[in-house]
Every structure is written in C-alpha cells, then in structure tokens.
Amino acid sequence: MIRDNRHESAYLFGAICPARAVGAAIIMPAVNTEAMNEHLKEISTQVAPAAHAVLLCDGAGWHQSGARLRVPDNITLLPLPPYSPELNPMENVWEYLRGNKLCALVWDSYEAILAACKSAWNFLIQDPDRIRSIGTRDWACVSL
C-alpha cells in the first residue's frame, strides 16, 4: 500500500438525505465547532422548502450542541448513543468513499487533496440510486 508521511489533511463534512437522494458537503482544513457551523449552514440550504431535517450526530466534540454550535431553525440534531457507528448511515458513506475513491493514493499538494475530496463527493451525489442504497435504513424511516 502506498504510504505518505506528510501531514496535510482536509476534512470532508457531508450529509445525505436518502429519501430525496441529495447531499450537502463542505471541505474544511480542520474539524471543530466553527467547521460544523459552516456545515450546518450548507445543510440548511439543501433542506426542501417548508421541510425540517433531522441530522444524526455521533459523540464528536464538534457535534455537541452548546453555546458555540449554531443549529439553523430547519435542522434538529439527533445524538446517537455512544459507540454506535452502525446507527449512522454516513459511516457507510465514508467507508464507501474511502474504499472506492480515496484509498491507496498519495497526492502531490493540498490542492490535489481538496480536488480528490470534491471529486469523491461529486461521484456520490451524482448517483441518486447510490445515495439511496448506502443511506437507507428500514428502521430509520418515518411514515406519516
């Protein structure tokens, strides 16, 4: 396997809606509350008019609601129980992208890392059936 000992990183923040087969993402240089706030703003722009999004969140520090995390009015955060990544469909998205688009590669520059993240995300969201397949959980569907 190719190994790179340099330490430049980019972080892909992403969310999907399997029912609508859409996603929202941003690429950030760090993972922190400020980055999460930017991600929440981006998700908010993708929520259907007059709809409300429920965003599953794990226990990461930057997912914690508090004085610094600004959650838009059209989003509610739903914290998952500790140590339960199998309950978060986004974990499957990250596994899929790592396994198919972002593995065994060495990039020559930070800009190339950003381009690879963007390309991987675009690959995912340009295929609605893939979003539905990866993100749908029968137990997580709400019927009215």
N, C-alpha and C. Protein backbone atom coordinates (compact mmCIF):
# COMPACT_ATOMS: atom_id res chain seq x y z
N MET A 1 0.84 -1.17 0.00
CA MET A 1 0.00 0.00 0.00
C MET A 1 0.89 1.24 0.00
N ILE A 2 0.48 2.24 -0.71
CA ILE A 2 1.22 3.49 -0.75
C ILE A 2 1.11 4.18 0.60
N ARG A 3 2.20 4.74 1.06
CA ARG A 3 2.20 5.45 2.34
C ARG A 3 2.84 6.81 2.17
N ASP A 4 2.19 7.81 2.72
CA ASP A 4 2.67 9.17 2.64
C ASP A 4 2.88 9.67 4.07
N ASN A 5 4.07 10.15 4.37
CA ASN A 5 4.37 10.59 5.72
C ASN A 5 4.19 12.09 5.93
N ARG A 6 3.73 12.78 4.89
CA ARG A 6 3.42 14.19 5.08
C ARG A 6 2.15 14.31 5.90
N HIS A 7 1.88 15.50 6.41
CA HIS A 7 0.76 15.61 7.35
C HIS A 7 -0.23 16.70 7.00
N GLU A 8 -0.45 16.97 5.73
CA GLU A 8 -1.50 17.90 5.35
C GLU A 8 -2.79 17.10 5.21
N SER A 9 -3.87 17.67 5.73
CA SER A 9 -5.15 16.97 5.68
C SER A 9 -6.26 17.94 5.33
N ALA A 10 -7.31 17.39 4.78
CA ALA A 10 -8.54 18.12 4.57
C ALA A 10 -9.66 17.23 5.11
N TYR A 11 -10.73 17.84 5.53
CA TYR A 11 -11.82 17.10 6.15
C TYR A 11 -13.09 17.35 5.36
N LEU A 12 -13.71 16.27 4.93
CA LEU A 12 -14.94 16.33 4.17
C LEU A 12 -16.10 16.15 5.14
N PHE A 13 -16.87 17.20 5.33
CA PHE A 13 -18.08 17.14 6.14
C PHE A 13 -19.23 16.88 5.17
N GLY A 14 -20.02 15.85 5.41
CA GLY A 14 -21.09 15.54 4.48
C GLY A 14 -22.34 15.04 5.17
N ALA A 15 -23.45 15.22 4.50
CA ALA A 15 -24.75 14.72 4.95
C ALA A 15 -25.55 14.33 3.72
N ILE A 16 -26.36 13.30 3.86
CA ILE A 16 -27.22 12.89 2.76
C ILE A 16 -28.66 12.76 3.23
N CYS A 17 -29.56 12.88 2.29
CA CYS A 17 -30.97 12.60 2.51
C CYS A 17 -31.33 11.47 1.55
N PRO A 18 -31.40 10.23 2.04
CA PRO A 18 -31.71 9.11 1.15
C PRO A 18 -33.08 9.23 0.50
N ALA A 19 -34.05 9.81 1.21
CA ALA A 19 -35.40 9.92 0.65
C ALA A 19 -35.42 10.81 -0.59
N ARG A 20 -34.65 11.89 -0.58
CA ARG A 20 -34.60 12.80 -1.72
C ARG A 20 -33.38 12.53 -2.60
N ALA A 21 -32.49 11.64 -2.14
CA ALA A 21 -31.27 11.28 -2.88
C ALA A 21 -30.41 12.50 -3.18
N VAL A 22 -30.21 13.34 -2.16
CA VAL A 22 -29.37 14.53 -2.29
C VAL A 22 -28.38 14.56 -1.14
N GLY A 23 -27.40 15.42 -1.27
CA GLY A 23 -26.41 15.57 -0.21
C GLY A 23 -25.90 16.98 -0.14
N ALA A 24 -25.26 17.28 0.98
CA ALA A 24 -24.64 18.58 1.19
C ALA A 24 -23.28 18.33 1.84
N ALA A 25 -22.27 19.02 1.36
CA ALA A 25 -20.93 18.81 1.91
C ALA A 25 -20.10 20.08 1.82
N ILE A 26 -19.12 20.15 2.68
CA ILE A 26 -18.08 21.18 2.61
C ILE A 26 -16.75 20.50 2.93
N ILE A 27 -15.68 21.11 2.48
CA ILE A 27 -14.34 20.63 2.78
C ILE A 27 -13.67 21.69 3.64
N MET A 28 -13.13 21.26 4.77
CA MET A 28 -12.54 22.19 5.73
C MET A 28 -11.12 21.77 6.09
N PRO A 29 -10.29 22.71 6.53
CA PRO A 29 -8.93 22.37 6.92
C PRO A 29 -8.81 21.78 8.33
N ALA A 30 -9.90 21.85 9.11
CA ALA A 30 -9.87 21.36 10.49
C ALA A 30 -11.26 20.87 10.88
N VAL A 31 -11.31 20.03 11.90
CA VAL A 31 -12.59 19.61 12.47
C VAL A 31 -12.75 20.31 13.81
N ASN A 32 -13.75 21.16 13.87
CA ASN A 32 -14.03 21.90 15.09
C ASN A 32 -15.44 22.48 15.00
N THR A 33 -15.85 23.18 16.02
CA THR A 33 -17.21 23.72 16.05
C THR A 33 -17.45 24.72 14.94
N GLU A 34 -16.45 25.54 14.62
CA GLU A 34 -16.62 26.51 13.55
C GLU A 34 -16.87 25.81 12.21
N ALA A 35 -16.15 24.74 11.95
CA ALA A 35 -16.35 23.97 10.72
C ALA A 35 -17.75 23.34 10.72
N MET A 36 -18.16 22.81 11.85
CA MET A 36 -19.50 22.22 11.94
C MET A 36 -20.58 23.27 11.70
N ASN A 37 -20.38 24.47 12.20
CA ASN A 37 -21.34 25.55 11.96
C ASN A 37 -21.47 25.84 10.46
N GLU A 38 -20.35 25.83 9.75
CA GLU A 38 -20.39 26.05 8.30
C GLU A 38 -21.12 24.89 7.61
N HIS A 39 -20.88 23.69 8.09
CA HIS A 39 -21.55 22.52 7.52
C HIS A 39 -23.05 22.60 7.76
N LEU A 40 -23.46 22.98 8.96
CA LEU A 40 -24.89 23.12 9.25
C LEU A 40 -25.53 24.17 8.35
N LYS A 41 -24.82 25.26 8.10
CA LYS A 41 -25.36 26.28 7.18
C LYS A 41 -25.56 25.70 5.79
N GLU A 42 -24.59 24.91 5.32
CA GLU A 42 -24.71 24.30 3.98
C GLU A 42 -25.86 23.30 3.94
N ILE A 43 -26.00 22.48 4.96
CA ILE A 43 -27.11 21.53 5.00
C ILE A 43 -28.43 22.29 4.96
N SER A 44 -28.52 23.36 5.73
CA SER A 44 -29.74 24.16 5.81
C SER A 44 -30.19 24.66 4.44
N THR A 45 -29.23 24.98 3.57
CA THR A 45 -29.59 25.47 2.24
C THR A 45 -30.16 24.36 1.36
N GLN A 46 -29.90 23.11 1.72
CA GLN A 46 -30.35 21.99 0.90
C GLN A 46 -31.63 21.33 1.41
N VAL A 47 -32.13 21.78 2.56
CA VAL A 47 -33.39 21.25 3.09
C VAL A 47 -34.53 21.78 2.22
N ALA A 48 -35.45 20.90 1.84
CA ALA A 48 -36.56 21.30 0.98
C ALA A 48 -37.36 22.42 1.66
N PRO A 49 -37.91 23.33 0.87
CA PRO A 49 -38.73 24.41 1.43
C PRO A 49 -39.86 23.84 2.29
N ALA A 50 -40.09 24.46 3.42
CA ALA A 50 -41.13 24.09 4.38
C ALA A 50 -40.88 22.72 5.02
N ALA A 51 -39.69 22.16 4.85
CA ALA A 51 -39.34 20.87 5.47
C ALA A 51 -38.42 21.12 6.65
N HIS A 52 -38.20 20.07 7.41
CA HIS A 52 -37.31 20.13 8.57
C HIS A 52 -36.41 18.90 8.51
N ALA A 53 -35.12 19.08 8.68
CA ALA A 53 -34.16 17.97 8.62
C ALA A 53 -33.80 17.51 10.02
N VAL A 54 -33.66 16.20 10.16
CA VAL A 54 -33.13 15.61 11.38
C VAL A 54 -31.76 15.07 11.02
N LEU A 55 -30.76 15.57 11.72
CA LEU A 55 -29.37 15.21 11.42
C LEU A 55 -28.83 14.30 12.52
N LEU A 56 -28.51 13.06 12.15
CA LEU A 56 -27.92 12.13 13.10
C LEU A 56 -26.48 12.55 13.38
N CYS A 57 -26.11 12.59 14.64
CA CYS A 57 -24.75 13.01 15.02
C CYS A 57 -24.19 12.04 16.04
N ASP A 58 -22.91 11.72 15.87
CA ASP A 58 -22.25 10.87 16.87
C ASP A 58 -21.74 11.76 18.00
N GLY A 59 -20.91 11.23 18.84
CA GLY A 59 -20.46 11.94 20.02
C GLY A 59 -19.26 12.84 19.82
N ALA A 60 -18.90 13.13 18.57
CA ALA A 60 -17.75 14.00 18.33
C ALA A 60 -17.95 15.35 19.02
N GLY A 61 -16.89 15.90 19.53
CA GLY A 61 -16.97 17.16 20.26
C GLY A 61 -17.59 18.29 19.47
N TRP A 62 -17.33 18.32 18.17
CA TRP A 62 -17.87 19.41 17.35
C TRP A 62 -19.33 19.18 16.96
N HIS A 63 -19.91 18.03 17.34
CA HIS A 63 -21.33 17.77 17.10
C HIS A 63 -22.19 18.15 18.30
N GLN A 64 -21.57 18.54 19.39
CA GLN A 64 -22.30 18.80 20.62
C GLN A 64 -22.97 20.15 20.57
N SER A 65 -24.27 20.15 20.86
CA SER A 65 -24.96 21.44 20.91
C SER A 65 -24.50 22.18 22.16
N GLY A 66 -24.44 23.46 22.06
CA GLY A 66 -23.97 24.30 23.15
C GLY A 66 -23.91 25.73 22.66
N ALA A 67 -23.29 26.57 23.43
CA ALA A 67 -23.27 27.99 23.12
C ALA A 67 -22.60 28.29 21.79
N ARG A 68 -21.61 27.49 21.38
CA ARG A 68 -20.86 27.80 20.16
C ARG A 68 -21.44 27.16 18.91
N LEU A 69 -22.22 26.09 19.05
CA LEU A 69 -22.79 25.43 17.88
C LEU A 69 -24.11 26.12 17.53
N ARG A 70 -24.19 26.60 16.30
CA ARG A 70 -25.38 27.32 15.84
C ARG A 70 -26.17 26.42 14.88
N VAL A 71 -27.28 25.91 15.36
CA VAL A 71 -28.11 25.00 14.57
C VAL A 71 -29.21 25.81 13.90
N PRO A 72 -29.28 25.78 12.57
CA PRO A 72 -30.34 26.51 11.87
C PRO A 72 -31.73 26.04 12.29
N ASP A 73 -32.72 26.90 12.11
CA ASP A 73 -34.08 26.60 12.54
C ASP A 73 -34.69 25.41 11.81
N ASN A 74 -34.20 25.09 10.61
CA ASN A 74 -34.80 23.99 9.85
C ASN A 74 -34.05 22.66 10.03
N ILE A 75 -33.21 22.58 11.08
CA ILE A 75 -32.46 21.36 11.39
C ILE A 75 -32.58 21.05 12.87
N THR A 76 -32.77 19.78 13.18
CA THR A 76 -32.71 19.28 14.56
C THR A 76 -31.62 18.23 14.61
N LEU A 77 -30.75 18.33 15.61
CA LEU A 77 -29.70 17.33 15.81
C LEU A 77 -30.25 16.19 16.65
N LEU A 78 -29.99 14.97 16.20
CA LEU A 78 -30.39 13.78 16.94
C LEU A 78 -29.13 13.03 17.33
N PRO A 79 -28.72 13.14 18.61
CA PRO A 79 -27.50 12.46 19.03
C PRO A 79 -27.70 10.95 19.09
N LEU A 80 -26.71 10.24 18.60
CA LEU A 80 -26.73 8.77 18.66
C LEU A 80 -26.13 8.31 19.98
N PRO A 81 -26.47 7.11 20.42
CA PRO A 81 -25.85 6.57 21.63
C PRO A 81 -24.34 6.43 21.43
N PRO A 82 -23.59 6.48 22.52
CA PRO A 82 -22.13 6.30 22.40
C PRO A 82 -21.78 4.96 21.78
N TYR A 83 -20.69 4.95 21.04
CA TYR A 83 -20.12 3.73 20.45
C TYR A 83 -21.13 2.97 19.58
N SER A 84 -21.84 3.72 18.73
CA SER A 84 -22.84 3.07 17.87
C SER A 84 -22.74 3.56 16.43
N PRO A 85 -21.57 3.47 15.81
CA PRO A 85 -21.43 3.97 14.44
C PRO A 85 -22.34 3.25 13.45
N GLU A 86 -22.75 2.03 13.78
CA GLU A 86 -23.62 1.29 12.87
C GLU A 86 -25.00 1.93 12.72
N LEU A 87 -25.34 2.83 13.63
CA LEU A 87 -26.63 3.52 13.54
C LEU A 87 -26.57 4.75 12.63
N ASN A 88 -25.39 5.14 12.22
CA ASN A 88 -25.23 6.35 11.42
C ASN A 88 -24.95 5.97 9.97
N PRO A 89 -25.92 6.18 9.06
CA PRO A 89 -25.70 5.84 7.65
C PRO A 89 -24.51 6.56 7.03
N MET A 90 -24.12 7.72 7.54
CA MET A 90 -22.97 8.43 6.98
C MET A 90 -21.68 7.64 7.16
N GLU A 91 -21.61 6.78 8.16
CA GLU A 91 -20.43 5.95 8.32
C GLU A 91 -20.25 5.04 7.10
N ASN A 92 -21.37 4.58 6.54
CA ASN A 92 -21.30 3.77 5.32
C ASN A 92 -20.84 4.59 4.13
N VAL A 93 -21.25 5.85 4.09
CA VAL A 93 -20.80 6.74 3.01
C VAL A 93 -19.28 6.91 3.09
N TRP A 94 -18.78 7.19 4.29
CA TRP A 94 -17.32 7.40 4.43
C TRP A 94 -16.58 6.12 4.08
N GLU A 95 -17.08 4.97 4.52
CA GLU A 95 -16.44 3.70 4.19
C GLU A 95 -16.43 3.48 2.68
N TYR A 96 -17.55 3.78 2.03
CA TYR A 96 -17.64 3.61 0.58
C TYR A 96 -16.65 4.52 -0.14
N LEU A 97 -16.61 5.80 0.23
CA LEU A 97 -15.71 6.73 -0.44
C LEU A 97 -14.25 6.39 -0.18
N ARG A 98 -13.91 6.00 1.05
CA ARG A 98 -12.54 5.59 1.33
C ARG A 98 -12.16 4.36 0.51
N GLY A 99 -13.08 3.42 0.40
CA GLY A 99 -12.79 2.18 -0.28
C GLY A 99 -12.78 2.29 -1.80
N ASN A 100 -13.46 3.28 -2.35
CA ASN A 100 -13.61 3.36 -3.79
C ASN A 100 -13.00 4.59 -4.45
N LYS A 101 -12.82 5.66 -3.70
CA LYS A 101 -12.35 6.90 -4.32
C LYS A 101 -11.16 7.56 -3.61
N LEU A 102 -10.95 7.23 -2.35
CA LEU A 102 -9.94 7.95 -1.59
C LEU A 102 -8.92 7.03 -0.92
N CYS A 103 -8.71 5.84 -1.48
CA CYS A 103 -7.78 4.92 -0.84
C CYS A 103 -6.54 4.69 -1.70
N ALA A 104 -5.47 4.29 -1.04
CA ALA A 104 -4.23 3.89 -1.70
C ALA A 104 -3.72 4.95 -2.68
N LEU A 105 -3.86 6.19 -2.31
CA LEU A 105 -3.41 7.29 -3.16
C LEU A 105 -2.52 8.24 -2.37
N VAL A 106 -1.60 8.86 -3.06
CA VAL A 106 -0.77 9.91 -2.48
C VAL A 106 -0.95 11.13 -3.37
N TRP A 107 -1.27 12.24 -2.75
CA TRP A 107 -1.49 13.47 -3.51
C TRP A 107 -0.27 14.36 -3.42
N ASP A 108 -0.01 15.11 -4.47
CA ASP A 108 1.19 15.93 -4.55
C ASP A 108 1.08 17.26 -3.82
N SER A 109 -0.14 17.70 -3.54
CA SER A 109 -0.32 19.01 -2.91
C SER A 109 -1.64 19.04 -2.14
N TYR A 110 -1.77 20.06 -1.32
CA TYR A 110 -3.01 20.25 -0.59
C TYR A 110 -4.16 20.48 -1.56
N GLU A 111 -3.90 21.22 -2.62
CA GLU A 111 -4.92 21.48 -3.63
C GLU A 111 -5.39 20.16 -4.27
N ALA A 112 -4.48 19.22 -4.46
CA ALA A 112 -4.85 17.91 -5.01
C ALA A 112 -5.71 17.12 -4.02
N ILE A 113 -5.44 17.27 -2.74
CA ILE A 113 -6.27 16.63 -1.72
C ILE A 113 -7.69 17.20 -1.79
N LEU A 114 -7.78 18.52 -1.87
CA LEU A 114 -9.10 19.16 -1.97
C LEU A 114 -9.84 18.69 -3.22
N ALA A 115 -9.14 18.63 -4.33
CA ALA A 115 -9.76 18.18 -5.59
C ALA A 115 -10.24 16.74 -5.48
N ALA A 116 -9.47 15.88 -4.82
CA ALA A 116 -9.87 14.48 -4.65
C ALA A 116 -11.12 14.36 -3.78
N CYS A 117 -11.18 15.15 -2.71
CA CYS A 117 -12.37 15.15 -1.85
C CYS A 117 -13.60 15.61 -2.63
N LYS A 118 -13.43 16.68 -3.38
CA LYS A 118 -14.54 17.21 -4.18
C LYS A 118 -14.99 16.19 -5.22
N SER A 119 -14.05 15.58 -5.89
CA SER A 119 -14.37 14.58 -6.91
C SER A 119 -15.09 13.38 -6.30
N ALA A 120 -14.63 12.91 -5.15
CA ALA A 120 -15.26 11.76 -4.49
C ALA A 120 -16.69 12.10 -4.10
N TRP A 121 -16.90 13.28 -3.52
CA TRP A 121 -18.25 13.68 -3.12
C TRP A 121 -19.17 13.81 -4.34
N ASN A 122 -18.66 14.46 -5.39
CA ASN A 122 -19.47 14.62 -6.60
C ASN A 122 -19.83 13.28 -7.22
N PHE A 123 -18.90 12.32 -7.17
CA PHE A 123 -19.18 10.98 -7.65
C PHE A 123 -20.38 10.39 -6.90
N LEU A 124 -20.40 10.58 -5.59
CA LEU A 124 -21.50 10.06 -4.79
C LEU A 124 -22.82 10.74 -5.13
N ILE A 125 -22.85 12.07 -5.09
CA ILE A 125 -24.14 12.76 -5.22
C ILE A 125 -24.67 12.79 -6.65
N GLN A 126 -23.86 12.43 -7.61
CA GLN A 126 -24.36 12.36 -8.98
C GLN A 126 -25.07 11.03 -9.28
N ASP A 127 -25.16 10.17 -8.29
CA ASP A 127 -25.83 8.89 -8.47
C ASP A 127 -26.88 8.71 -7.37
N PRO A 128 -28.11 9.18 -7.63
CA PRO A 128 -29.17 9.09 -6.62
C PRO A 128 -29.41 7.67 -6.10
N ASP A 129 -29.30 6.67 -6.98
CA ASP A 129 -29.51 5.29 -6.52
C ASP A 129 -28.44 4.87 -5.52
N ARG A 130 -27.22 5.34 -5.70
CA ARG A 130 -26.14 5.03 -4.76
C ARG A 130 -26.44 5.67 -3.40
N ILE A 131 -26.90 6.91 -3.40
CA ILE A 131 -27.24 7.57 -2.14
C ILE A 131 -28.33 6.79 -1.42
N ARG A 132 -29.37 6.41 -2.14
CA ARG A 132 -30.46 5.64 -1.52
C ARG A 132 -29.96 4.30 -0.99
N SER A 133 -29.14 3.63 -1.76
CA SER A 133 -28.63 2.31 -1.37
C SER A 133 -27.77 2.39 -0.12
N ILE A 134 -26.87 3.33 -0.10
CA ILE A 134 -25.94 3.44 1.03
C ILE A 134 -26.63 4.00 2.26
N GLY A 135 -27.56 4.93 2.08
CA GLY A 135 -28.10 5.67 3.22
C GLY A 135 -29.43 5.20 3.77
N THR A 136 -30.15 4.35 3.07
CA THR A 136 -31.48 3.96 3.54
C THR A 136 -31.40 2.86 4.58
N ARG A 137 -32.12 3.06 5.65
CA ARG A 137 -32.26 2.07 6.71
C ARG A 137 -33.75 1.90 6.98
N ASP A 138 -34.27 0.69 6.82
CA ASP A 138 -35.70 0.48 7.04
C ASP A 138 -36.14 0.92 8.42
N TRP A 139 -35.31 0.67 9.42
CA TRP A 139 -35.68 1.01 10.78
C TRP A 139 -35.68 2.52 11.03
N ALA A 140 -35.08 3.29 10.13
CA ALA A 140 -34.98 4.73 10.33
C ALA A 140 -36.03 5.50 9.54
N CYS A 141 -36.89 4.84 8.81
CA CYS A 141 -37.91 5.52 8.00
C CYS A 141 -39.09 5.90 8.87
N VAL A 142 -39.58 7.11 8.66
CA VAL A 142 -40.73 7.61 9.40
C VAL A 142 -41.90 7.70 8.43
N SER A 143 -43.01 7.11 8.80
CA SER A 143 -44.22 7.16 7.97
C SER A 143 -45.23 8.07 8.64
N LEU A 144 -45.94 8.80 7.82
CA LEU A 144 -46.98 9.67 8.38
C LEU A 144 -48.34 9.09 8.13
